[in-house]
């Protein structure tokens, strides 16, 4: 099976990958480090003036997203691959996890309150609510929000 590490461009991504590595070692699984870009995010990055209707441009977006996923990987000692997706991040990550028959999806919420309750961002929350496999939340224990 596969463990999905759903990353973005934040510092939280390394925690997500580290948690996915722990799970992969425990279950002898492979990791897919996944990043999804929307067309507007891609255009905001000024990578190209892509038209999302053109399949060549969609592949450019997926390639750019995979490159961003690769930046979250450092010192990983289990088999992994990076995957770029195009579209609504929560929907695409859930769909990808289903297609891969994922064992887990690892996400990281944006903030923690002082009382320790997790305040999930919309992507993490949507993944939690819609995934057909278990979702693991990777939280920085040193952050007090």
Foldseek 3Di string as FASTA:
>chain_A
DEEEQEDDLDPCSLLSVVVRLVVCVVVVHEYEQEYEDEPVRVVVVVPDPDDVVDVVSQVVQFVVRQVSSVVSDDPRPHHYGYTYHYDDSLVGSQVVCVVVVHQEYEDEADAAAQVGDGDHDPSVVSNCVDHPHYYHYRYDPVGHD
